[in-house]
Amino acid sequence: MRTFLAGLAIVAVTIALWFAGVSITAWLVSTLVSFLFAVDFGFWQAFAAILLLGVFSNIAFSGLRRNKTKE
């Protein structure tokens, strides 16, 4: 039971850190777009755009080989 809770805590912390990273990026994108182009580009619009761009890039580049380094 203790190992399950530890694993669950690791998953929760990983998701929280990912969300924090995407949120900071979305805030930066929305701030820069609003400043540079004088367009009201909200936080959640930037958040959704970053998520959609990530999904699109994974689909678009899914057929490419990835070099794995050997140590």
Protein backbone atom coordinates (compact mmCIF):
# COMPACT_ATOMS: atom_id res chain seq x y z
CA MET A 1 0.00 0.00 0.00
CA ARG A 2 2.84 2.34 0.83
CA THR A 3 4.50 1.82 -2.56
CA PHE A 4 1.19 2.48 -4.29
CA LEU A 5 0.81 5.79 -2.45
CA ALA A 6 4.41 6.71 -3.25
CA GLY A 7 3.81 5.96 -6.94
CA LEU A 8 0.57 7.93 -6.88
CA ALA A 9 2.37 10.87 -5.27
CA ILE A 10 5.08 10.76 -7.95
CA VAL A 11 2.43 10.79 -10.70
CA ALA A 12 0.59 13.70 -9.04
CA VAL A 13 3.79 15.74 -8.65
CA THR A 14 4.78 15.04 -12.26
CA ILE A 15 1.38 16.19 -13.55
CA ALA A 16 1.52 19.29 -11.34
CA LEU A 17 4.98 20.21 -12.63
CA TRP A 18 3.90 19.67 -16.24
CA PHE A 19 0.83 21.85 -15.68
CA ALA A 20 2.99 24.53 -14.06
CA GLY A 21 5.39 24.54 -17.01
CA VAL A 22 2.60 24.79 -19.57
CA SER A 23 0.87 27.49 -17.52
CA ILE A 24 4.02 29.62 -17.33
CA THR A 25 4.53 29.20 -21.08
CA ALA A 26 0.89 30.11 -21.77
CA TRP A 27 1.15 33.21 -19.59
CA LEU A 28 4.31 34.28 -21.40
CA VAL A 29 2.76 33.68 -24.83
CA SER A 30 -0.43 35.56 -23.98
CA THR A 31 1.55 38.48 -22.53
CA LEU A 32 3.90 38.71 -25.50
CA VAL A 33 1.13 38.42 -28.09
CA SER A 34 -0.89 41.11 -26.32
CA PHE A 35 2.16 43.38 -26.10
CA LEU A 36 3.56 42.86 -29.60
CA PHE A 37 0.38 42.74 -31.66
CA ALA A 38 -2.08 44.73 -29.51
CA VAL A 39 -4.51 41.81 -29.60
CA ASP A 40 -6.36 40.55 -26.54
CA PHE A 41 -5.02 36.98 -26.49
CA GLY A 42 -6.13 35.40 -23.24
CA PHE A 43 -4.36 32.93 -21.00
CA TRP A 44 -6.67 30.00 -21.76
CA GLN A 45 -6.43 30.64 -25.50
CA ALA A 46 -2.65 30.44 -25.23
CA PHE A 47 -2.91 27.33 -23.04
CA ALA A 48 -5.13 25.58 -25.57
CA ALA A 49 -2.89 26.68 -28.45
CA ILE A 50 0.18 25.21 -26.74
CA LEU A 51 -1.60 21.92 -26.09
CA LEU A 52 -2.89 21.72 -29.66
CA LEU A 53 0.54 22.57 -31.05
CA GLY A 54 2.04 19.76 -28.98
CA VAL A 55 -0.53 17.27 -30.23
CA PHE A 56 -0.11 18.42 -33.83
CA SER A 57 3.68 18.18 -33.68
CA ASN A 58 3.47 14.67 -32.22
CA ILE A 59 1.17 13.60 -35.04
CA ALA A 60 3.14 15.39 -37.77
CA PHE A 61 6.53 14.06 -36.70
CA SER A 62 5.44 10.62 -35.49
CA GLY A 63 6.96 8.86 -38.50
CA LEU A 64 10.46 10.24 -37.97
CA ARG A 65 13.13 8.08 -36.45
CA ARG A 66 14.64 9.21 -33.21
CA ASN A 67 18.32 8.57 -32.65
CA LYS A 68 18.95 6.87 -29.37
CA THR A 69 22.32 7.54 -27.82
CA LYS A 70 24.26 4.63 -26.42
CA GLU A 71 26.19 5.16 -23.23
